[in-house]
Amino acid sequence: MSRLFFAIVACAVLLGLGSGCSHYRLGTSTPLPFATLYVAPTTLKILLPQAQAITTAQIRAAFLRDSRVTLVNSPGTADAALEVEISDYRRDVATQRRDDTGLARKFTLNLITRCTLKDNRSGKTYFTHREISVRRDAYTDSQLSLPSGTEVSGQLQAEFQTFPLLADALAEKVVHVVLDVW
């Protein structure tokens, strides 16, 4: 008797769980108003060498990984066009060295951009100059020292190595802003 009762309860629980999962939809439920997207080369309002190529490549790669839209190479064949403008880049001192408080040990790098998404078919603008900011830490500990024993700061190298990570974080946020519900 107890086995039969346990079997009936187990079947009821499994049927209840199965019916709850039958209406689940993977991904966003709202269809996008565009199927193809043109990502314009990133524009710079500041002097930041090589940032244009790195950020544009990372943004395009993020859209390719997401695969909800098809990327095209010209604005004329796209349903929508995305423009990204790097408006500010800052490095803030996060930690000073313990042996010399005038020198930084860690910087917080801030990248601020403005994005505009336009519908090429109707001329409608979905959003204009939407600000997106990302930050990463760059450590200047290079473990290098001069023959006199003075340590050499690796700030430039640290920023150079951190910028692709900063651009990747920016790309993920841009994909979220463009493809998720506004």
N, C-alpha and C. Protein backbone atom coordinates (compact mmCIF):
# COMPACT_ATOMS: atom_id res chain seq x y z
N MET A 1 0.82 -1.19 0.00
CA MET A 1 0.00 0.00 0.00
C MET A 1 0.87 1.25 0.00
N SER A 2 1.91 1.28 0.85
CA SER A 2 2.75 2.47 0.91
C SER A 2 3.57 2.63 -0.37
N ARG A 3 3.95 1.52 -1.02
CA ARG A 3 4.68 1.61 -2.29
C ARG A 3 3.80 2.20 -3.38
N LEU A 4 2.56 1.81 -3.43
CA LEU A 4 1.63 2.33 -4.42
C LEU A 4 1.39 3.82 -4.20
N PHE A 5 1.23 4.20 -2.95
CA PHE A 5 1.03 5.62 -2.63
C PHE A 5 2.26 6.44 -3.03
N PHE A 6 3.46 5.93 -2.71
CA PHE A 6 4.70 6.62 -3.06
C PHE A 6 4.85 6.74 -4.58
N ALA A 7 4.50 5.70 -5.32
CA ALA A 7 4.60 5.73 -6.78
C ALA A 7 3.63 6.75 -7.37
N ILE A 8 2.41 6.83 -6.83
CA ILE A 8 1.43 7.80 -7.32
C ILE A 8 1.88 9.22 -7.04
N VAL A 9 2.41 9.47 -5.85
CA VAL A 9 2.90 10.81 -5.49
C VAL A 9 4.09 11.18 -6.38
N ALA A 10 5.01 10.25 -6.60
CA ALA A 10 6.18 10.52 -7.44
C ALA A 10 5.76 10.85 -8.87
N CYS A 11 4.79 10.11 -9.41
CA CYS A 11 4.29 10.39 -10.77
C CYS A 11 3.62 11.75 -10.83
N ALA A 12 2.86 12.10 -9.81
CA ALA A 12 2.18 13.40 -9.79
C ALA A 12 3.19 14.54 -9.74
N VAL A 13 4.23 14.38 -8.94
CA VAL A 13 5.27 15.41 -8.86
C VAL A 13 5.99 15.55 -10.20
N LEU A 14 6.36 14.46 -10.82
CA LEU A 14 7.04 14.51 -12.12
C LEU A 14 6.16 15.13 -13.20
N LEU A 15 4.88 14.80 -13.21
CA LEU A 15 3.97 15.40 -14.18
C LEU A 15 3.82 16.90 -13.93
N GLY A 16 3.77 17.29 -12.68
CA GLY A 16 3.67 18.72 -12.35
C GLY A 16 4.90 19.49 -12.78
N LEU A 17 6.08 18.92 -12.54
CA LEU A 17 7.32 19.58 -12.97
C LEU A 17 7.43 19.62 -14.48
N GLY A 18 7.05 18.53 -15.13
CA GLY A 18 7.12 18.47 -16.59
C GLY A 18 6.20 19.47 -17.26
N SER A 19 5.02 19.65 -16.72
CA SER A 19 4.09 20.60 -17.34
C SER A 19 4.53 22.04 -17.12
N GLY A 20 5.21 22.31 -16.02
CA GLY A 20 5.72 23.66 -15.78
C GLY A 20 6.83 24.04 -16.75
N CYS A 21 7.62 23.07 -17.13
CA CYS A 21 8.74 23.33 -18.04
C CYS A 21 8.32 23.33 -19.51
N SER A 22 7.14 22.87 -19.81
CA SER A 22 6.74 22.76 -21.21
C SER A 22 6.49 24.11 -21.86
N HIS A 23 6.22 25.14 -21.09
CA HIS A 23 5.96 26.47 -21.65
C HIS A 23 7.15 27.41 -21.52
N TYR A 24 8.27 26.91 -21.10
CA TYR A 24 9.45 27.74 -20.95
C TYR A 24 10.03 28.05 -22.32
N ARG A 25 10.39 29.32 -22.54
CA ARG A 25 11.02 29.73 -23.80
C ARG A 25 12.43 30.19 -23.51
N LEU A 26 13.37 29.61 -24.18
CA LEU A 26 14.76 29.97 -24.01
C LEU A 26 15.02 31.31 -24.69
N GLY A 27 15.69 32.22 -24.01
CA GLY A 27 16.02 33.52 -24.58
C GLY A 27 14.94 34.54 -24.31
N THR A 28 15.04 35.66 -25.01
CA THR A 28 14.06 36.72 -24.82
C THR A 28 12.81 36.41 -25.62
N SER A 29 11.67 36.79 -25.07
CA SER A 29 10.41 36.47 -25.74
C SER A 29 10.01 37.51 -26.77
N THR A 30 10.57 38.70 -26.70
CA THR A 30 10.23 39.75 -27.63
C THR A 30 11.09 39.64 -28.88
N PRO A 31 10.48 39.57 -30.06
CA PRO A 31 11.30 39.52 -31.29
C PRO A 31 11.95 40.88 -31.55
N LEU A 32 13.14 40.84 -32.10
CA LEU A 32 13.86 42.07 -32.42
C LEU A 32 13.23 42.75 -33.63
N PRO A 33 13.24 44.08 -33.68
CA PRO A 33 12.67 44.78 -34.83
C PRO A 33 13.59 44.77 -36.05
N PHE A 34 14.76 44.16 -35.93
CA PHE A 34 15.68 44.09 -37.06
C PHE A 34 16.38 42.73 -37.04
N ALA A 35 16.76 42.27 -38.23
CA ALA A 35 17.42 40.96 -38.35
C ALA A 35 18.90 41.09 -38.69
N THR A 36 19.26 42.19 -39.37
CA THR A 36 20.66 42.41 -39.73
C THR A 36 21.13 43.71 -39.11
N LEU A 37 22.42 43.75 -38.77
CA LEU A 37 22.98 44.90 -38.07
C LEU A 37 24.34 45.25 -38.67
N TYR A 38 24.54 46.54 -38.87
CA TYR A 38 25.85 47.05 -39.29
C TYR A 38 26.49 47.73 -38.09
N VAL A 39 27.68 47.31 -37.72
CA VAL A 39 28.43 47.94 -36.64
C VAL A 39 29.47 48.85 -37.27
N ALA A 40 29.25 50.15 -37.14
CA ALA A 40 30.18 51.13 -37.72
C ALA A 40 31.49 51.12 -36.93
N PRO A 41 32.60 51.46 -37.57
CA PRO A 41 33.85 51.55 -36.82
C PRO A 41 33.71 52.56 -35.68
N THR A 42 34.26 52.22 -34.56
CA THR A 42 34.19 53.07 -33.38
C THR A 42 34.86 54.41 -33.67
N THR A 43 34.22 55.48 -33.23
CA THR A 43 34.81 56.81 -33.38
C THR A 43 35.39 57.26 -32.05
N LEU A 44 36.40 58.11 -32.13
CA LEU A 44 37.10 58.57 -30.93
C LEU A 44 36.92 60.07 -30.74
N LYS A 45 36.57 60.48 -29.55
CA LYS A 45 36.55 61.90 -29.19
C LYS A 45 37.77 62.25 -28.35
N ILE A 46 38.61 61.27 -28.12
CA ILE A 46 39.80 61.45 -27.30
C ILE A 46 40.99 60.85 -28.04
N LEU A 47 42.18 61.13 -27.54
CA LEU A 47 43.39 60.56 -28.12
C LEU A 47 43.71 59.26 -27.39
N LEU A 48 43.41 58.15 -28.04
CA LEU A 48 43.67 56.83 -27.47
C LEU A 48 44.08 55.91 -28.61
N PRO A 49 45.38 55.84 -28.92
CA PRO A 49 45.84 55.06 -30.07
C PRO A 49 45.41 53.60 -30.00
N GLN A 50 45.06 53.05 -31.14
CA GLN A 50 44.68 51.66 -31.33
C GLN A 50 43.35 51.27 -30.70
N ALA A 51 42.67 52.18 -30.04
CA ALA A 51 41.41 51.85 -29.37
C ALA A 51 40.31 51.56 -30.38
N GLN A 52 40.33 52.24 -31.50
CA GLN A 52 39.27 52.08 -32.50
C GLN A 52 39.23 50.64 -33.02
N ALA A 53 40.36 50.11 -33.40
CA ALA A 53 40.40 48.76 -33.96
C ALA A 53 40.03 47.71 -32.91
N ILE A 54 40.55 47.85 -31.71
CA ILE A 54 40.29 46.85 -30.66
C ILE A 54 38.83 46.84 -30.26
N THR A 55 38.25 48.02 -30.02
CA THR A 55 36.85 48.06 -29.57
C THR A 55 35.90 47.60 -30.68
N THR A 56 36.14 48.00 -31.91
CA THR A 56 35.28 47.57 -33.01
C THR A 56 35.32 46.05 -33.17
N ALA A 57 36.51 45.48 -33.12
CA ALA A 57 36.65 44.03 -33.26
C ALA A 57 35.96 43.29 -32.12
N GLN A 58 36.11 43.79 -30.90
CA GLN A 58 35.48 43.12 -29.75
C GLN A 58 33.95 43.22 -29.81
N ILE A 59 33.44 44.36 -30.24
CA ILE A 59 31.98 44.53 -30.34
C ILE A 59 31.42 43.59 -31.41
N ARG A 60 32.07 43.53 -32.56
CA ARG A 60 31.60 42.62 -33.62
C ARG A 60 31.67 41.16 -33.16
N ALA A 61 32.74 40.80 -32.47
CA ALA A 61 32.88 39.42 -31.98
C ALA A 61 31.79 39.08 -30.97
N ALA A 62 31.41 40.03 -30.13
CA ALA A 62 30.36 39.79 -29.14
C ALA A 62 29.01 39.57 -29.82
N PHE A 63 28.72 40.33 -30.87
CA PHE A 63 27.47 40.12 -31.61
C PHE A 63 27.48 38.77 -32.33
N LEU A 64 28.62 38.37 -32.84
CA LEU A 64 28.73 37.06 -33.50
C LEU A 64 28.51 35.93 -32.50
N ARG A 65 29.04 36.07 -31.29
CA ARG A 65 28.83 35.04 -30.26
C ARG A 65 27.37 34.94 -29.86
N ASP A 66 26.69 36.09 -29.79
CA ASP A 66 25.29 36.10 -29.36
C ASP A 66 24.37 35.48 -30.41
N SER A 67 24.58 35.79 -31.65
CA SER A 67 23.90 35.24 -32.84
C SER A 67 22.40 35.49 -32.92
N ARG A 68 21.89 36.52 -32.26
CA ARG A 68 20.48 36.87 -32.44
C ARG A 68 20.27 37.73 -33.67
N VAL A 69 21.32 38.40 -34.14
CA VAL A 69 21.26 39.18 -35.36
C VAL A 69 22.41 38.75 -36.27
N THR A 70 22.26 39.06 -37.55
CA THR A 70 23.30 38.78 -38.53
C THR A 70 24.05 40.08 -38.79
N LEU A 71 25.37 40.03 -38.68
CA LEU A 71 26.18 41.21 -38.97
C LEU A 71 26.43 41.31 -40.47
N VAL A 72 26.36 42.54 -40.98
CA VAL A 72 26.65 42.79 -42.39
C VAL A 72 27.78 43.81 -42.48
N ASN A 73 28.40 43.90 -43.66
CA ASN A 73 29.58 44.74 -43.82
C ASN A 73 29.30 46.13 -44.36
N SER A 74 28.06 46.42 -44.72
CA SER A 74 27.76 47.76 -45.23
C SER A 74 26.43 48.24 -44.65
N PRO A 75 26.31 49.53 -44.40
CA PRO A 75 25.07 50.05 -43.82
C PRO A 75 23.88 49.95 -44.77
N GLY A 76 24.14 49.90 -46.07
CA GLY A 76 23.05 49.82 -47.04
C GLY A 76 22.30 48.50 -47.02
N THR A 77 22.96 47.44 -46.61
CA THR A 77 22.31 46.12 -46.58
C THR A 77 21.78 45.75 -45.20
N ALA A 78 21.94 46.63 -44.23
CA ALA A 78 21.53 46.33 -42.85
C ALA A 78 20.16 46.91 -42.53
N ASP A 79 19.44 46.20 -41.67
CA ASP A 79 18.17 46.72 -41.16
C ASP A 79 18.41 47.84 -40.15
N ALA A 80 19.50 47.74 -39.39
CA ALA A 80 19.82 48.73 -38.37
C ALA A 80 21.33 48.97 -38.36
N ALA A 81 21.71 50.14 -37.86
CA ALA A 81 23.13 50.50 -37.78
C ALA A 81 23.45 50.95 -36.36
N LEU A 82 24.59 50.50 -35.86
CA LEU A 82 25.05 50.85 -34.52
C LEU A 82 26.30 51.71 -34.64
N GLU A 83 26.28 52.85 -33.96
CA GLU A 83 27.45 53.73 -33.90
C GLU A 83 27.91 53.81 -32.46
N VAL A 84 29.21 53.60 -32.23
CA VAL A 84 29.78 53.67 -30.89
C VAL A 84 30.87 54.73 -30.91
N GLU A 85 30.80 55.64 -29.96
CA GLU A 85 31.76 56.73 -29.85
C GLU A 85 32.42 56.67 -28.48
N ILE A 86 33.75 56.58 -28.46
CA ILE A 86 34.47 56.61 -27.19
C ILE A 86 34.59 58.07 -26.79
N SER A 87 33.91 58.43 -25.71
CA SER A 87 33.87 59.83 -25.31
C SER A 87 34.85 60.17 -24.19
N ASP A 88 35.28 59.18 -23.41
CA ASP A 88 36.20 59.48 -22.31
C ASP A 88 36.96 58.22 -21.91
N TYR A 89 38.19 58.43 -21.49
CA TYR A 89 39.03 57.37 -20.96
C TYR A 89 39.81 57.97 -19.81
N ARG A 90 39.65 57.38 -18.65
CA ARG A 90 40.33 57.91 -17.46
C ARG A 90 41.09 56.80 -16.75
N ARG A 91 42.15 57.20 -16.11
CA ARG A 91 42.86 56.29 -15.21
C ARG A 91 42.90 56.98 -13.84
N ASP A 92 42.34 56.30 -12.87
CA ASP A 92 42.30 56.82 -11.50
C ASP A 92 43.22 55.96 -10.64
N VAL A 93 43.97 56.61 -9.77
CA VAL A 93 44.85 55.88 -8.87
C VAL A 93 43.99 55.15 -7.85
N ALA A 94 44.15 53.85 -7.77
CA ALA A 94 43.38 53.05 -6.82
C ALA A 94 44.20 52.69 -5.59
N THR A 95 45.50 52.42 -5.78
CA THR A 95 46.37 52.05 -4.66
C THR A 95 47.75 52.65 -4.90
N GLN A 96 48.33 53.19 -3.83
CA GLN A 96 49.69 53.72 -3.92
C GLN A 96 50.68 52.66 -3.45
N ARG A 97 51.91 52.84 -3.86
CA ARG A 97 52.96 51.94 -3.39
C ARG A 97 53.26 52.23 -1.94
N ARG A 98 53.59 51.19 -1.18
CA ARG A 98 53.83 51.41 0.25
C ARG A 98 55.16 52.09 0.51
N ASP A 99 56.12 51.95 -0.41
CA ASP A 99 57.42 52.58 -0.20
C ASP A 99 57.47 54.01 -0.75
N ASP A 100 56.51 54.39 -1.60
CA ASP A 100 56.46 55.75 -2.14
C ASP A 100 55.01 56.07 -2.49
N THR A 101 54.36 56.85 -1.64
CA THR A 101 52.93 57.14 -1.84
C THR A 101 52.67 58.05 -3.03
N GLY A 102 53.71 58.58 -3.63
CA GLY A 102 53.53 59.39 -4.83
C GLY A 102 53.40 58.56 -6.09
N LEU A 103 53.71 57.27 -5.99
CA LEU A 103 53.62 56.37 -7.14
C LEU A 103 52.45 55.42 -6.97
N ALA A 104 51.78 55.17 -8.05
CA ALA A 104 50.61 54.28 -8.00
C ALA A 104 51.05 52.84 -8.20
N ARG A 105 50.34 51.95 -7.52
CA ARG A 105 50.56 50.51 -7.69
C ARG A 105 49.45 49.91 -8.54
N LYS A 106 48.25 50.50 -8.43
CA LYS A 106 47.10 49.99 -9.18
C LYS A 106 46.29 51.18 -9.69
N PHE A 107 45.89 51.10 -10.95
CA PHE A 107 45.02 52.10 -11.56
C PHE A 107 43.67 51.47 -11.87
N THR A 108 42.62 52.27 -11.78
CA THR A 108 41.32 51.85 -12.28
C THR A 108 41.11 52.55 -13.61
N LEU A 109 40.98 51.77 -14.67
CA LEU A 109 40.80 52.33 -16.01
C LEU A 109 39.31 52.40 -16.30
N ASN A 110 38.84 53.57 -16.70
CA ASN A 110 37.42 53.79 -17.01
C ASN A 110 37.29 54.15 -18.48
N LEU A 111 36.42 53.44 -19.17
CA LEU A 111 36.14 53.71 -20.58
C LEU A 111 34.67 54.07 -20.70
N ILE A 112 34.38 55.26 -21.21
CA ILE A 112 33.00 55.74 -21.32
C ILE A 112 32.69 55.94 -22.80
N THR A 113 31.59 55.34 -23.24
CA THR A 113 31.18 55.43 -24.64
C THR A 113 29.74 55.90 -24.73
N ARG A 114 29.38 56.36 -25.93
CA ARG A 114 27.99 56.71 -26.24
C ARG A 114 27.59 55.94 -27.49
N CYS A 115 26.44 55.28 -27.41
CA CYS A 115 25.97 54.44 -28.51
C CYS A 115 24.69 55.00 -29.11
N THR A 116 24.56 54.87 -30.42
CA THR A 116 23.36 55.27 -31.14
C THR A 116 22.95 54.11 -32.04
N LEU A 117 21.67 53.74 -31.97
CA LEU A 117 21.13 52.66 -32.79
C LEU A 117 20.01 53.22 -33.66
N LYS A 118 20.17 53.07 -34.99
CA LYS A 118 19.19 53.61 -35.94
C LYS A 118 18.64 52.51 -36.83
N ASP A 119 17.36 52.65 -37.18
CA ASP A 119 16.72 51.75 -38.14
C ASP A 119 16.98 52.33 -39.53
N ASN A 120 17.67 51.60 -40.38
CA ASN A 120 18.00 52.09 -41.72
C ASN A 120 16.80 52.10 -42.66
N ARG A 121 15.81 51.26 -42.40
CA ARG A 121 14.66 51.17 -43.29
C ARG A 121 13.71 52.35 -43.10
N SER A 122 13.41 52.69 -41.86
CA SER A 122 12.43 53.74 -41.60
C SER A 122 13.07 55.06 -41.19
N GLY A 123 14.34 55.05 -40.85
CA GLY A 123 14.99 56.26 -40.38
C GLY A 123 14.76 56.52 -38.90
N LYS A 124 14.03 55.64 -38.25
CA LYS A 124 13.72 55.79 -36.82
C LYS A 124 14.98 55.54 -36.00
N THR A 125 15.15 56.31 -34.94
CA THR A 125 16.26 56.11 -34.03
C THR A 125 15.76 55.40 -32.79
N TYR A 126 16.33 54.24 -32.50
CA TYR A 126 15.93 53.48 -31.31
C TYR A 126 16.43 54.15 -30.04
N PHE A 127 17.70 54.54 -30.03
CA PHE A 127 18.24 55.34 -28.93
C PHE A 127 19.44 56.14 -29.43
N THR A 128 19.68 57.28 -28.78
CA THR A 128 20.74 58.19 -29.18
C THR A 128 21.65 58.48 -28.00
N HIS A 129 22.94 58.38 -28.22
CA HIS A 129 23.96 58.72 -27.22
C HIS A 129 23.71 58.05 -25.87
N ARG A 130 23.33 56.79 -25.89
CA ARG A 130 23.17 56.06 -24.63
C ARG A 130 24.56 55.77 -24.07
N GLU A 131 24.79 56.22 -22.85
CA GLU A 131 26.12 56.10 -22.25
C GLU A 131 26.33 54.71 -21.65
N ILE A 132 27.48 54.15 -21.97
CA ILE A 132 27.90 52.87 -21.42
C ILE A 132 29.30 53.05 -20.87
N SER A 133 29.51 52.64 -19.64
CA SER A 133 30.85 52.76 -19.05
C SER A 133 31.28 51.43 -18.47
N VAL A 134 32.56 51.16 -18.58
CA VAL A 134 33.15 49.95 -18.02
C VAL A 134 34.44 50.34 -17.31
N ARG A 135 34.85 49.48 -16.39
CA ARG A 135 36.10 49.74 -15.66
C ARG A 135 36.82 48.44 -15.38
N ARG A 136 38.12 48.54 -15.36
CA ARG A 136 39.00 47.41 -15.03
C ARG A 136 40.19 47.96 -14.25
N ASP A 137 40.81 47.10 -13.49
CA ASP A 137 42.00 47.48 -12.74
C ASP A 137 43.24 47.06 -13.51
N ALA A 138 44.25 47.93 -13.48
CA ALA A 138 45.54 47.64 -14.10
C ALA A 138 46.61 47.75 -13.01
N TYR A 139 47.37 46.69 -12.84
CA TYR A 139 48.41 46.64 -11.82
C TYR A 139 49.76 46.96 -12.46
N THR A 140 50.49 47.85 -11.82
CA THR A 140 51.75 48.32 -12.41
C THR A 140 52.97 47.59 -11.86
N ASP A 141 52.77 46.56 -11.08
CA ASP A 141 53.90 45.81 -10.54
C ASP A 141 54.55 45.02 -11.66
N SER A 142 55.73 45.47 -12.06
CA SER A 142 56.40 44.81 -13.18
C SER A 142 57.50 43.86 -12.74
N GLN A 143 57.87 43.91 -11.48
CA GLN A 143 58.95 43.08 -10.93
C GLN A 143 60.29 43.37 -11.62
N LEU A 144 60.40 44.53 -12.26
CA LEU A 144 61.66 44.93 -12.88
C LEU A 144 62.31 45.99 -12.02
N SER A 145 63.63 45.97 -11.97
CA SER A 145 64.33 47.01 -11.21
C SER A 145 65.60 47.39 -11.95
N LEU A 146 66.00 48.63 -11.71
CA LEU A 146 67.23 49.15 -12.30
C LEU A 146 68.42 48.59 -11.52
N PRO A 147 69.64 48.68 -12.08
CA PRO A 147 70.82 48.20 -11.34
C PRO A 147 70.97 48.86 -9.98
N SER A 148 70.43 50.07 -9.82
CA SER A 148 70.53 50.76 -8.53
C SER A 148 69.55 50.19 -7.51
N GLY A 149 68.63 49.31 -7.95
CA GLY A 149 67.66 48.73 -7.03
C GLY A 149 66.30 49.39 -7.10
N THR A 150 66.17 50.47 -7.86
CA THR A 150 64.90 51.17 -7.99
C THR A 150 63.96 50.36 -8.88
N GLU A 151 62.73 50.15 -8.40
CA GLU A 151 61.76 49.40 -9.20
C GLU A 151 61.23 50.26 -10.34
N VAL A 152 60.96 49.62 -11.48
CA VAL A 152 60.44 50.30 -12.65
C VAL A 152 58.94 50.08 -12.72
N SER A 153 58.19 51.16 -12.93
CA SER A 153 56.74 51.06 -13.03
C SER A 153 56.35 50.54 -14.40
N GLY A 154 55.40 49.64 -14.44
CA GLY A 154 54.94 49.08 -15.71
C GLY A 154 53.58 49.62 -16.09
N GLN A 155 53.33 50.92 -15.87
CA GLN A 155 52.00 51.49 -16.12
C GLN A 155 51.60 51.35 -17.58
N LEU A 156 52.48 51.71 -18.49
CA LEU A 156 52.14 51.67 -19.91
C LEU A 156 51.84 50.24 -20.36
N GLN A 157 52.67 49.30 -19.95
CA GLN A 157 52.46 47.90 -20.31
C GLN A 157 51.19 47.36 -19.68
N ALA A 158 50.92 47.75 -18.44
CA ALA A 158 49.71 47.29 -17.75
C ALA A 158 48.45 47.80 -18.46
N GLU A 159 48.46 49.05 -18.88
CA GLU A 159 47.31 49.59 -19.61
C GLU A 159 47.16 48.90 -20.96
N PHE A 160 48.26 48.67 -21.64
CA PHE A 160 48.23 48.01 -22.94
C PHE A 160 47.63 46.60 -22.83
N GLN A 161 47.99 45.88 -21.77
CA GLN A 161 47.48 44.53 -21.58
C GLN A 161 46.04 44.51 -21.09
N THR A 162 45.61 45.55 -20.39
CA THR A 162 44.27 45.59 -19.81
C THR A 162 43.23 46.09 -20.81
N PHE A 163 43.63 46.87 -21.80
CA PHE A 163 42.64 47.47 -22.70
C PHE A 163 41.79 46.45 -23.46
N PRO A 164 42.33 45.33 -23.97
CA PRO A 164 41.44 44.35 -24.60
C PRO A 164 40.38 43.78 -23.64
N LEU A 165 40.72 43.64 -22.37
CA LEU A 165 39.74 43.19 -21.38
C LEU A 165 38.67 44.25 -21.17
N LEU A 166 39.09 45.49 -21.17
CA LEU A 166 38.16 46.61 -21.04
C LEU A 166 37.23 46.66 -22.25
N ALA A 167 37.79 46.46 -23.44
CA ALA A 167 36.98 46.46 -24.66
C ALA A 167 36.02 45.28 -24.70
N ASP A 168 36.42 44.14 -24.17
CA ASP A 168 35.54 42.97 -24.13
C ASP A 168 34.37 43.22 -23.18
N ALA A 169 34.63 43.82 -22.03
CA ALA A 169 33.54 44.15 -21.10
C ALA A 169 32.59 45.16 -21.73
N LEU A 170 33.15 46.12 -22.47
CA LEU A 170 32.32 47.10 -23.18
C LEU A 170 31.46 46.39 -24.22
N ALA A 171 32.03 45.47 -24.96
CA ALA A 171 31.29 44.77 -26.01
C ALA A 171 30.11 44.00 -25.44
N GLU A 172 30.30 43.35 -24.31
CA GLU A 172 29.19 42.61 -23.69
C GLU A 172 28.07 43.55 -23.28
N LYS A 173 28.42 44.72 -22.76
CA LYS A 173 27.39 45.69 -22.37
C LYS A 173 26.68 46.26 -23.60
N VAL A 174 27.41 46.49 -24.67
CA VAL A 174 26.80 47.01 -25.90
C VAL A 174 25.80 46.00 -26.46
N VAL A 175 26.17 44.73 -26.48
CA VAL A 175 25.24 43.69 -26.95
C VAL A 175 23.99 43.67 -26.09
N HIS A 176 24.16 43.78 -24.79
CA HIS A 176 23.01 43.80 -23.88
C HIS A 176 22.10 44.99 -24.17
N VAL A 177 22.69 46.16 -24.36
CA VAL A 177 21.90 47.37 -24.62
C VAL A 177 21.16 47.27 -25.95
N VAL A 178 21.80 46.74 -26.97
CA VAL A 178 21.19 46.69 -28.31
C VAL A 178 20.15 45.59 -28.44
N LEU A 179 20.43 44.41 -27.92
CA LEU A 179 19.57 43.27 -28.19
C LEU A 179 18.52 42.98 -27.13
N ASP A 180 18.71 43.45 -25.93
CA ASP A 180 17.73 43.17 -24.89
C ASP A 180 16.65 44.24 -24.90
N VAL A 181 15.56 43.97 -24.23
CA VAL A 181 14.40 44.87 -24.26
C VAL A 181 14.81 46.24 -23.74
N TRP A 182 14.41 47.28 -24.47
CA TRP A 182 14.77 48.64 -24.09
C TRP A 182 13.78 49.13 -23.08
